[in-house]
């Protein structure tokens, strides 16, 4: 059975598409692209249809990642369409759960940093208003967390 994972941040142009592309890279390396499908979304609709942020794309490409995707907004129907929904920070986590007032899908919603093995941050920081070092820091954290996530999945 194919598992479906959705990464969620605020605008879906920096953190969540980076996580999606890093995870897809790990899946390709291990021949698991038919077992786990990844997507990303944002809690806000600010950038719907836009590609990933050019600074994040450049930082990912510099590390050898393929970059794809278009921003979209998280919707309540995503609860039915995904087995695991992963929030980048506390605000994203709360915004996702707000769309599930009965708590029917709460067990599907996790924090990205819960899967990190080498990093102790409790949130994936938003690099949007910072410099290049912020993007590199986010990528390092996401690489760690995506590896931990992959190890946690039953594949």
Protein backbone atom coordinates (compact mmCIF):
# COMPACT_ATOMS: atom_id res chain seq x y z
CA UNK A 1 0.00 0.00 0.00
CA UNK A 2 1.29 3.46 -0.91
CA UNK A 3 1.69 5.91 1.96
CA UNK A 4 0.91 9.56 1.28
CA UNK A 5 2.82 12.29 3.15
CA UNK A 6 2.01 16.01 3.07
CA UNK A 7 4.51 18.62 4.27
CA UNK A 8 2.96 21.93 5.39
CA UNK A 9 4.39 25.38 6.07
CA UNK A 10 2.91 28.88 5.80
CA UNK A 11 3.28 29.87 2.13
CA UNK A 12 4.41 26.59 0.54
CA UNK A 13 7.41 28.18 -1.19
CA UNK A 14 10.33 27.53 1.20
CA UNK A 15 10.17 24.91 3.93
CA UNK A 16 7.46 22.48 2.82
CA UNK A 17 8.57 22.24 -0.83
CA UNK A 18 12.15 21.79 0.40
CA UNK A 19 11.02 18.92 2.63
CA UNK A 20 9.02 17.43 -0.25
CA UNK A 21 11.98 17.59 -2.64
CA UNK A 22 14.49 16.27 -0.07
CA UNK A 23 12.18 13.39 0.82
CA UNK A 24 11.59 12.58 -2.85
CA UNK A 25 15.37 12.49 -3.32
CA UNK A 26 15.73 9.98 -0.47
CA UNK A 27 12.88 7.89 -1.90
CA UNK A 28 14.50 7.81 -5.37
CA UNK A 29 17.84 6.79 -3.84
CA UNK A 30 16.18 3.86 -2.09
CA UNK A 31 13.80 2.86 -4.89
CA UNK A 32 10.75 3.68 -2.77
CA UNK A 33 8.93 6.16 -5.02
CA UNK A 34 6.12 3.65 -5.57
CA UNK A 35 5.68 3.10 -1.80
CA UNK A 36 5.60 6.69 -0.53
CA UNK A 37 4.14 9.72 -2.32
CA UNK A 38 4.93 13.24 -1.11
CA UNK A 39 3.29 16.59 -1.63
CA UNK A 40 3.39 19.96 0.10
CA UNK A 41 0.98 22.77 0.91
CA UNK A 42 0.75 26.02 2.82
CA UNK A 43 -1.69 27.09 5.50
CA UNK A 44 -1.90 30.47 3.77
CA UNK A 45 -2.88 31.11 0.18
CA UNK A 46 -0.33 33.86 -0.45
CA UNK A 47 1.65 32.14 -3.20
CA UNK A 48 -0.80 29.67 -4.81
CA UNK A 49 0.58 28.54 -8.17
CA UNK A 50 4.08 29.91 -7.55
CA UNK A 51 7.21 27.75 -7.81
CA UNK A 52 9.46 27.30 -4.77
CA UNK A 53 11.32 30.43 -3.65
CA UNK A 54 14.31 31.05 -5.93
CA UNK A 55 16.72 31.28 -2.98
CA UNK A 56 15.54 27.94 -1.60
CA UNK A 57 15.66 26.39 -5.06
CA UNK A 58 19.24 27.60 -5.58
CA UNK A 59 20.33 26.27 -2.17
CA UNK A 60 18.72 22.90 -2.85
CA UNK A 61 20.20 22.62 -6.34
CA UNK A 62 23.64 23.49 -4.95
CA UNK A 63 23.31 20.40 -2.73
CA UNK A 64 22.27 18.22 -5.68
CA UNK A 65 18.50 18.13 -5.23
CA UNK A 66 15.99 18.30 -8.05
CA UNK A 67 13.43 21.02 -7.35
CA UNK A 68 9.82 20.87 -8.48
CA UNK A 69 6.37 21.85 -7.30
CA UNK A 70 3.84 24.67 -7.26
CA UNK A 71 2.40 26.27 -4.14
CA UNK A 72 -1.09 25.32 -3.06
CA UNK A 73 -3.14 25.92 0.06
CA UNK A 74 -3.89 23.20 2.60
CA UNK A 75 -7.55 22.17 2.52
CA UNK A 76 -9.71 20.10 4.87
CA UNK A 77 -9.96 17.35 2.22
CA UNK A 78 -6.20 16.82 2.62
CA UNK A 79 -7.05 14.96 5.83
CA UNK A 80 -8.68 12.24 3.72
CA UNK A 81 -6.04 12.31 0.99
CA UNK A 82 -2.94 11.90 3.17
CA UNK A 83 -1.81 9.38 5.77
CA UNK A 84 0.62 11.76 7.45
CA UNK A 85 0.53 15.56 7.59
CA UNK A 86 3.73 17.19 8.79
CA UNK A 87 3.83 20.77 10.07
CA UNK A 88 6.99 22.85 9.99
CA UNK A 89 6.21 24.96 13.06
CA UNK A 90 3.72 25.38 15.90
CA UNK A 91 1.62 27.96 14.08
CA UNK A 92 1.26 25.63 11.07
CA UNK A 93 0.42 22.75 13.42
CA UNK A 94 -2.36 24.75 15.13
CA UNK A 95 -3.70 26.06 11.80
CA UNK A 96 -3.94 22.51 10.42
CA UNK A 97 -5.73 21.22 13.52
CA UNK A 98 -8.15 24.17 13.36
CA UNK A 99 -9.50 22.62 10.14
CA UNK A 100 -10.26 19.41 12.06
CA UNK A 101 -12.43 20.72 14.92
CA UNK A 102 -13.71 17.25 15.89
CA UNK A 103 -10.13 15.94 16.09
CA UNK A 104 -10.87 13.05 13.74
CA UNK A 105 -7.49 13.30 12.02
CA UNK A 106 -5.33 14.65 14.85
CA UNK A 107 -3.22 11.47 14.96
CA UNK A 108 -2.09 12.11 11.35
CA UNK A 109 -0.66 15.56 12.15
CA UNK A 110 2.96 15.60 13.34
CA UNK A 111 5.73 18.15 13.79
CA UNK A 112 8.66 17.90 11.36
CA UNK A 113 11.22 18.33 14.11
CA UNK A 114 9.87 15.24 15.91
CA UNK A 115 11.72 13.18 13.30
CA UNK A 116 15.08 14.99 13.59
CA UNK A 117 17.91 12.93 15.05
CA UNK A 118 20.84 15.37 15.12
CA UNK A 119 19.07 18.71 15.50
CA UNK A 120 17.33 19.85 18.67
CA UNK A 121 15.18 22.66 17.25
CA UNK A 122 11.48 22.39 18.08
CA UNK A 123 10.44 24.18 14.86
CA UNK A 124 11.77 24.49 11.32
CA UNK A 125 12.48 28.24 11.15
CA UNK A 126 11.09 30.23 8.25
CA UNK A 127 14.09 31.46 6.20
CA UNK A 128 12.01 33.80 3.99
CA UNK A 129 13.15 37.10 5.51
CA UNK A 130 16.71 36.05 6.27
CA UNK A 131 19.91 35.50 4.34
CA UNK A 132 21.37 32.48 2.58
CA UNK A 133 22.62 30.93 5.81
CA UNK A 134 19.01 30.57 6.94
CA UNK A 135 18.15 28.53 3.86
CA UNK A 136 21.18 26.29 4.37
CA UNK A 137 20.26 25.82 8.04
CA UNK A 138 16.71 24.82 7.10
CA UNK A 139 17.99 22.35 4.50
CA UNK A 140 20.32 20.72 7.05
CA UNK A 141 17.47 20.38 9.54
CA UNK A 142 15.11 19.00 6.88
CA UNK A 143 17.72 16.50 5.66
CA UNK A 144 18.00 15.18 9.22
CA UNK A 145 14.24 15.12 9.81
CA UNK A 146 13.44 13.54 6.42
CA UNK A 147 15.95 10.78 7.14
CA UNK A 148 14.32 10.19 10.52
CA UNK A 149 10.86 10.27 8.94
CA UNK A 150 11.86 7.72 6.34
CA UNK A 151 13.25 5.43 9.06
CA UNK A 152 9.97 5.74 10.98
CA UNK A 153 7.76 4.73 8.04
CA UNK A 154 6.80 1.15 7.54
CA UNK A 155 8.24 0.48 4.06
